[in-house]
């Protein structure tokens, strides 16, 4: 059990570093990252690829970009929750206690992430 605990702890730290690095990006850089994913998806799906250019640009900016960003945010925090829960289970507590611990720790990290983003410039100077 101790080796599992160490592995999960390392994975949690790596996940938190990844979240921190994404949160540390300026808005323009972050938009470029998700923009590459949006462009890739829009080229793969024929219905989007065949849209008129102006309609495609508006669809990508107003629909796809926000959805991709929310999915990325949701996914990385879901992974963090799974890792924290698996880490907590190694302490042989009840499932309820492990769940509460995971939610509490995830919530604290999300709050610290939002606070951190408050200090990151929105635009390149």
N, C-alpha and C. Protein backbone atom coordinates (compact mmCIF):
# COMPACT_ATOMS: atom_id res chain seq x y z
N UNK A 1 0.82 -1.20 0.00
CA UNK A 1 0.00 0.00 0.00
C UNK A 1 0.86 1.26 0.00
N UNK A 2 2.01 1.19 0.63
CA UNK A 2 2.84 2.38 0.73
C UNK A 2 3.34 2.83 -0.64
N UNK A 3 3.68 1.87 -1.51
CA UNK A 3 4.16 2.23 -2.84
C UNK A 3 3.04 2.88 -3.66
N UNK A 4 1.80 2.37 -3.51
CA UNK A 4 0.65 2.98 -4.21
C UNK A 4 0.45 4.41 -3.72
N UNK A 5 0.57 4.59 -2.42
CA UNK A 5 0.39 5.93 -1.84
C UNK A 5 1.42 6.90 -2.42
N UNK A 6 2.65 6.47 -2.53
CA UNK A 6 3.72 7.32 -3.07
C UNK A 6 3.46 7.63 -4.54
N UNK A 7 3.05 6.61 -5.30
CA UNK A 7 2.77 6.81 -6.73
C UNK A 7 1.63 7.80 -6.91
N UNK A 8 0.55 7.63 -6.15
CA UNK A 8 -0.58 8.55 -6.27
C UNK A 8 -0.19 9.96 -5.84
N UNK A 9 0.62 10.08 -4.83
CA UNK A 9 1.07 11.40 -4.39
C UNK A 9 1.90 12.08 -5.48
N UNK A 10 2.77 11.33 -6.11
CA UNK A 10 3.58 11.88 -7.21
C UNK A 10 2.68 12.32 -8.37
N UNK A 11 1.70 11.48 -8.70
CA UNK A 11 0.78 11.82 -9.79
C UNK A 11 -0.06 13.05 -9.45
N UNK A 12 -0.45 13.19 -8.18
CA UNK A 12 -1.20 14.38 -7.74
C UNK A 12 -0.35 15.63 -7.91
N UNK A 13 0.90 15.55 -7.50
CA UNK A 13 1.81 16.70 -7.61
C UNK A 13 2.01 17.06 -9.08
N UNK A 14 2.20 16.07 -9.94
CA UNK A 14 2.37 16.34 -11.38
C UNK A 14 1.12 17.01 -11.94
N UNK A 15 -0.06 16.48 -11.58
CA UNK A 15 -1.32 17.05 -12.06
C UNK A 15 -1.45 18.50 -11.58
N UNK A 16 -1.11 18.77 -10.34
CA UNK A 16 -1.20 20.13 -9.80
C UNK A 16 -0.22 21.07 -10.52
N UNK A 17 0.95 20.57 -10.86
CA UNK A 17 1.91 21.38 -11.61
C UNK A 17 1.37 21.71 -12.99
N UNK A 18 0.74 20.72 -13.64
CA UNK A 18 0.15 20.96 -14.96
C UNK A 18 -0.96 22.01 -14.85
N UNK A 19 -1.83 21.87 -13.86
CA UNK A 19 -2.90 22.86 -13.66
C UNK A 19 -2.30 24.24 -13.42
N UNK A 20 -1.28 24.30 -12.57
CA UNK A 20 -0.64 25.58 -12.28
C UNK A 20 -0.05 26.19 -13.54
N UNK A 21 0.61 25.37 -14.35
CA UNK A 21 1.24 25.91 -15.57
C UNK A 21 0.19 26.42 -16.55
N UNK A 22 -0.94 25.72 -16.68
CA UNK A 22 -2.02 26.23 -17.54
C UNK A 22 -2.59 27.53 -16.97
N UNK A 23 -2.76 27.58 -15.68
CA UNK A 23 -3.32 28.78 -15.04
C UNK A 23 -2.36 29.96 -15.12
N UNK A 24 -1.09 29.68 -15.27
CA UNK A 24 -0.07 30.72 -15.30
C UNK A 24 0.06 31.35 -16.69
N UNK A 25 -0.61 30.76 -17.69
CA UNK A 25 -0.54 31.30 -19.04
C UNK A 25 -1.37 32.58 -19.15
N UNK A 26 -0.87 33.52 -19.92
CA UNK A 26 -1.65 34.71 -20.24
C UNK A 26 -2.82 34.28 -21.11
N UNK A 27 -3.87 35.07 -21.14
CA UNK A 27 -5.08 34.72 -21.88
C UNK A 27 -4.79 34.44 -23.35
N UNK A 28 -3.91 35.23 -23.97
CA UNK A 28 -3.59 35.03 -25.38
C UNK A 28 -2.93 33.67 -25.61
N UNK A 29 -1.98 33.31 -24.74
CA UNK A 29 -1.30 32.02 -24.87
C UNK A 29 -2.26 30.86 -24.66
N UNK A 30 -3.12 31.00 -23.67
CA UNK A 30 -4.11 29.97 -23.38
C UNK A 30 -5.07 29.81 -24.55
N UNK A 31 -5.48 30.93 -25.12
CA UNK A 31 -6.37 30.89 -26.28
C UNK A 31 -5.72 30.20 -27.47
N UNK A 32 -4.42 30.42 -27.65
CA UNK A 32 -3.70 29.75 -28.74
C UNK A 32 -3.66 28.25 -28.54
N UNK A 33 -3.48 27.80 -27.30
CA UNK A 33 -3.45 26.37 -27.02
C UNK A 33 -4.78 25.71 -27.36
N UNK A 34 -5.86 26.28 -26.85
CA UNK A 34 -7.16 25.69 -27.14
C UNK A 34 -7.54 25.91 -28.60
N UNK A 35 -7.03 26.98 -29.20
CA UNK A 35 -7.30 27.25 -30.61
C UNK A 35 -6.75 26.17 -31.52
N UNK A 36 -5.59 25.62 -31.18
CA UNK A 36 -5.02 24.53 -31.97
C UNK A 36 -5.92 23.30 -31.93
N UNK A 37 -6.47 23.00 -30.75
CA UNK A 37 -7.38 21.86 -30.62
C UNK A 37 -8.65 22.12 -31.43
N UNK A 38 -9.19 23.32 -31.32
CA UNK A 38 -10.40 23.69 -32.06
C UNK A 38 -10.15 23.57 -33.57
N UNK A 39 -9.02 24.05 -34.04
CA UNK A 39 -8.70 23.97 -35.47
C UNK A 39 -8.59 22.52 -35.94
N UNK A 40 -7.96 21.69 -35.12
CA UNK A 40 -7.83 20.28 -35.47
C UNK A 40 -9.21 19.63 -35.58
N UNK A 41 -10.04 19.84 -34.57
CA UNK A 41 -11.38 19.24 -34.57
C UNK A 41 -12.21 19.76 -35.74
N UNK A 42 -12.11 21.04 -36.02
CA UNK A 42 -12.91 21.62 -37.10
C UNK A 42 -12.47 21.10 -38.47
N UNK A 43 -11.24 20.65 -38.59
CA UNK A 43 -10.78 20.06 -39.85
C UNK A 43 -11.16 18.59 -39.97
N UNK A 44 -11.38 17.93 -38.85
CA UNK A 44 -11.72 16.51 -38.86
C UNK A 44 -13.21 16.30 -39.11
N UNK A 45 -14.06 17.18 -38.61
CA UNK A 45 -15.51 17.02 -38.73
C UNK A 45 -15.98 17.69 -40.03
N UNK A 46 -16.50 16.89 -40.97
CA UNK A 46 -16.89 17.45 -42.28
C UNK A 46 -17.93 18.56 -42.19
N UNK A 47 -18.90 18.46 -41.30
CA UNK A 47 -19.95 19.47 -41.20
C UNK A 47 -19.36 20.84 -40.86
N UNK A 48 -18.32 20.88 -40.07
CA UNK A 48 -17.68 22.15 -39.73
C UNK A 48 -16.73 22.57 -40.84
N UNK A 49 -15.98 21.62 -41.35
CA UNK A 49 -15.01 21.91 -42.41
C UNK A 49 -15.68 22.53 -43.64
N UNK A 50 -16.92 22.11 -43.95
CA UNK A 50 -17.62 22.57 -45.14
C UNK A 50 -18.47 23.82 -44.93
N UNK A 51 -18.43 24.39 -43.74
CA UNK A 51 -19.19 25.63 -43.48
C UNK A 51 -18.58 26.79 -44.27
N UNK A 52 -19.40 27.80 -44.59
CA UNK A 52 -18.82 29.03 -45.14
C UNK A 52 -17.82 29.62 -44.15
N UNK A 53 -16.78 30.24 -44.67
CA UNK A 53 -15.65 30.68 -43.83
C UNK A 53 -16.06 31.57 -42.66
N UNK A 54 -16.88 32.58 -42.90
CA UNK A 54 -17.29 33.49 -41.82
C UNK A 54 -18.08 32.75 -40.75
N UNK A 55 -18.99 31.88 -41.18
CA UNK A 55 -19.79 31.08 -40.24
C UNK A 55 -18.90 30.14 -39.43
N UNK A 56 -17.90 29.56 -40.11
CA UNK A 56 -16.97 28.65 -39.43
C UNK A 56 -16.17 29.39 -38.36
N UNK A 57 -15.68 30.58 -38.68
CA UNK A 57 -14.90 31.37 -37.72
C UNK A 57 -15.75 31.71 -36.49
N UNK A 58 -16.98 32.16 -36.72
CA UNK A 58 -17.87 32.49 -35.61
C UNK A 58 -18.20 31.26 -34.77
N UNK A 59 -18.45 30.13 -35.43
CA UNK A 59 -18.77 28.89 -34.71
C UNK A 59 -17.59 28.44 -33.85
N UNK A 60 -16.39 28.52 -34.42
CA UNK A 60 -15.20 28.11 -33.68
C UNK A 60 -14.97 29.01 -32.47
N UNK A 61 -15.13 30.32 -32.64
CA UNK A 61 -14.86 31.26 -31.54
C UNK A 61 -15.96 31.26 -30.48
N UNK A 62 -17.21 31.17 -30.90
CA UNK A 62 -18.32 31.33 -29.97
C UNK A 62 -18.87 30.03 -29.40
N UNK A 63 -18.63 28.92 -30.08
CA UNK A 63 -19.17 27.64 -29.61
C UNK A 63 -18.05 26.68 -29.23
N UNK A 64 -17.19 26.39 -30.19
CA UNK A 64 -16.18 25.36 -29.96
C UNK A 64 -15.14 25.75 -28.92
N UNK A 65 -14.61 26.96 -29.02
CA UNK A 65 -13.55 27.38 -28.08
C UNK A 65 -14.01 27.31 -26.63
N UNK A 66 -15.18 27.89 -26.27
CA UNK A 66 -15.61 27.78 -24.87
C UNK A 66 -15.85 26.33 -24.43
N UNK A 67 -16.41 25.52 -25.32
CA UNK A 67 -16.68 24.11 -24.97
C UNK A 67 -15.38 23.37 -24.73
N UNK A 68 -14.41 23.54 -25.62
CA UNK A 68 -13.12 22.86 -25.48
C UNK A 68 -12.43 23.30 -24.19
N UNK A 69 -12.47 24.59 -23.89
CA UNK A 69 -11.82 25.09 -22.67
C UNK A 69 -12.50 24.52 -21.42
N UNK A 70 -13.83 24.47 -21.41
CA UNK A 70 -14.55 23.91 -20.26
C UNK A 70 -14.29 22.43 -20.11
N UNK A 71 -14.26 21.70 -21.23
CA UNK A 71 -13.97 20.26 -21.17
C UNK A 71 -12.56 20.00 -20.64
N UNK A 72 -11.61 20.80 -21.08
CA UNK A 72 -10.23 20.64 -20.59
C UNK A 72 -10.17 20.90 -19.08
N UNK A 73 -10.83 21.97 -18.65
CA UNK A 73 -10.86 22.32 -17.24
C UNK A 73 -11.52 21.20 -16.43
N UNK A 74 -12.66 20.75 -16.89
CA UNK A 74 -13.38 19.67 -16.22
C UNK A 74 -12.54 18.39 -16.16
N UNK A 75 -11.90 18.06 -17.26
CA UNK A 75 -11.12 16.82 -17.35
C UNK A 75 -9.93 16.81 -16.40
N UNK A 76 -9.20 17.91 -16.35
CA UNK A 76 -7.99 17.92 -15.52
C UNK A 76 -8.35 17.92 -14.03
N UNK A 77 -9.47 18.56 -13.68
CA UNK A 77 -9.91 18.52 -12.29
C UNK A 77 -10.55 17.18 -11.94
N UNK A 78 -11.18 16.53 -12.91
CA UNK A 78 -11.70 15.19 -12.68
C UNK A 78 -10.54 14.23 -12.41
N UNK A 79 -9.50 14.34 -13.20
CA UNK A 79 -8.31 13.51 -12.98
C UNK A 79 -7.73 13.77 -11.59
N UNK A 80 -7.66 15.03 -11.20
CA UNK A 80 -7.16 15.36 -9.86
C UNK A 80 -8.03 14.70 -8.78
N UNK A 81 -9.34 14.76 -8.95
CA UNK A 81 -10.24 14.13 -7.98
C UNK A 81 -10.04 12.63 -7.90
N UNK A 82 -9.89 11.99 -9.04
CA UNK A 82 -9.66 10.53 -9.08
C UNK A 82 -8.35 10.19 -8.38
N UNK A 83 -7.32 10.96 -8.65
CA UNK A 83 -6.02 10.70 -8.02
C UNK A 83 -6.07 10.91 -6.51
N UNK A 84 -6.72 11.98 -6.08
CA UNK A 84 -6.83 12.24 -4.63
C UNK A 84 -7.64 11.13 -3.96
N UNK A 85 -8.72 10.71 -4.60
CA UNK A 85 -9.55 9.64 -4.03
C UNK A 85 -8.74 8.35 -3.90
N UNK A 86 -7.99 8.00 -4.93
CA UNK A 86 -7.17 6.79 -4.87
C UNK A 86 -6.08 6.91 -3.81
N UNK A 87 -5.52 8.09 -3.66
CA UNK A 87 -4.54 8.33 -2.61
C UNK A 87 -5.19 8.14 -1.23
N UNK A 88 -6.37 8.71 -1.06
CA UNK A 88 -7.07 8.63 0.23
C UNK A 88 -7.43 7.19 0.58
N UNK A 89 -7.79 6.40 -0.41
CA UNK A 89 -8.18 5.01 -0.17
C UNK A 89 -7.02 4.20 0.40
N UNK A 90 -5.79 4.59 0.12
CA UNK A 90 -4.63 3.85 0.64
C UNK A 90 -4.51 3.95 2.16
N UNK A 91 -5.28 4.85 2.78
CA UNK A 91 -5.24 5.00 4.23
C UNK A 91 -6.28 4.16 4.94
N UNK A 92 -7.02 3.37 4.18
CA UNK A 92 -8.02 2.44 4.72
C UNK A 92 -9.06 3.12 5.60
N UNK A 93 -9.56 4.22 5.12
CA UNK A 93 -10.68 4.92 5.76
C UNK A 93 -11.95 4.50 5.03
N UNK A 94 -13.09 4.92 5.55
CA UNK A 94 -14.35 4.60 4.88
C UNK A 94 -14.41 5.36 3.55
N UNK A 95 -15.22 4.81 2.64
CA UNK A 95 -15.38 5.44 1.34
C UNK A 95 -15.92 6.85 1.51
N UNK A 96 -16.81 7.03 2.46
CA UNK A 96 -17.39 8.34 2.74
C UNK A 96 -16.31 9.33 3.18
N UNK A 97 -15.43 8.92 4.09
CA UNK A 97 -14.35 9.79 4.55
C UNK A 97 -13.39 10.13 3.42
N UNK A 98 -13.07 9.12 2.60
CA UNK A 98 -12.17 9.36 1.46
C UNK A 98 -12.81 10.34 0.47
N UNK A 99 -14.10 10.18 0.25
CA UNK A 99 -14.81 11.08 -0.65
C UNK A 99 -14.82 12.51 -0.14
N UNK A 100 -15.11 12.67 1.15
CA UNK A 100 -15.10 14.01 1.75
C UNK A 100 -13.71 14.64 1.66
N UNK A 101 -12.70 13.86 1.96
CA UNK A 101 -11.33 14.34 1.89
C UNK A 101 -10.99 14.79 0.46
N UNK A 102 -11.39 13.99 -0.52
CA UNK A 102 -11.11 14.30 -1.92
C UNK A 102 -11.81 15.57 -2.36
N UNK A 103 -13.08 15.69 -2.02
CA UNK A 103 -13.84 16.88 -2.40
C UNK A 103 -13.24 18.11 -1.72
N UNK A 104 -12.92 18.00 -0.45
CA UNK A 104 -12.37 19.13 0.29
C UNK A 104 -11.01 19.56 -0.29
N UNK A 105 -10.14 18.60 -0.52
CA UNK A 105 -8.82 18.93 -1.05
C UNK A 105 -8.91 19.50 -2.47
N UNK A 106 -9.77 18.89 -3.30
CA UNK A 106 -9.98 19.41 -4.66
C UNK A 106 -10.53 20.82 -4.64
N UNK A 107 -11.48 21.07 -3.73
CA UNK A 107 -12.06 22.40 -3.59
C UNK A 107 -11.00 23.42 -3.17
N UNK A 108 -10.17 23.05 -2.21
CA UNK A 108 -9.11 23.96 -1.77
C UNK A 108 -8.14 24.28 -2.91
N UNK A 109 -7.78 23.25 -3.68
CA UNK A 109 -6.86 23.49 -4.78
C UNK A 109 -7.51 24.37 -5.85
N UNK A 110 -8.78 24.13 -6.14
CA UNK A 110 -9.50 24.96 -7.12
C UNK A 110 -9.57 26.41 -6.66
N UNK A 111 -9.81 26.62 -5.37
CA UNK A 111 -9.84 27.99 -4.83
C UNK A 111 -8.48 28.65 -4.97
N UNK A 112 -7.42 27.92 -4.65
CA UNK A 112 -6.08 28.49 -4.76
C UNK A 112 -5.75 28.77 -6.23
N UNK A 113 -6.25 27.94 -7.14
CA UNK A 113 -6.03 28.15 -8.56
C UNK A 113 -6.74 29.42 -9.04
N UNK A 114 -7.96 29.64 -8.58
CA UNK A 114 -8.68 30.86 -8.94
C UNK A 114 -7.99 32.10 -8.38
N UNK A 115 -7.49 32.00 -7.17
CA UNK A 115 -6.74 33.11 -6.58
C UNK A 115 -5.47 33.38 -7.39
N UNK A 116 -4.78 32.32 -7.77
CA UNK A 116 -3.57 32.46 -8.58
C UNK A 116 -3.89 33.15 -9.90
N UNK A 117 -4.99 32.77 -10.56
CA UNK A 117 -5.36 33.35 -11.84
C UNK A 117 -5.67 34.84 -11.73
N UNK A 118 -6.08 35.27 -10.56
CA UNK A 118 -6.37 36.68 -10.33
C UNK A 118 -5.12 37.55 -10.56
N UNK A 119 -3.95 36.98 -10.31
CA UNK A 119 -2.69 37.72 -10.43
C UNK A 119 -1.99 37.54 -11.77
N UNK A 120 -2.56 36.70 -12.64
CA UNK A 120 -1.96 36.48 -13.97
C UNK A 120 -2.53 37.52 -14.93
N UNK A 121 -1.66 38.25 -15.65
CA UNK A 121 -2.15 39.26 -16.59
C UNK A 121 -3.05 38.62 -17.66
N UNK A 122 -4.09 39.35 -18.03
CA UNK A 122 -5.03 38.82 -19.02
C UNK A 122 -4.52 38.96 -20.44
N UNK A 123 -3.82 40.01 -20.71
CA UNK A 123 -3.32 40.28 -22.07
C UNK A 123 -1.82 40.48 -22.04
N UNK A 124 -1.19 40.21 -23.18
CA UNK A 124 0.24 40.51 -23.29
C UNK A 124 0.42 42.02 -23.27
N UNK A 125 1.46 42.45 -22.59
CA UNK A 125 1.72 43.90 -22.54
C UNK A 125 2.63 44.33 -23.69
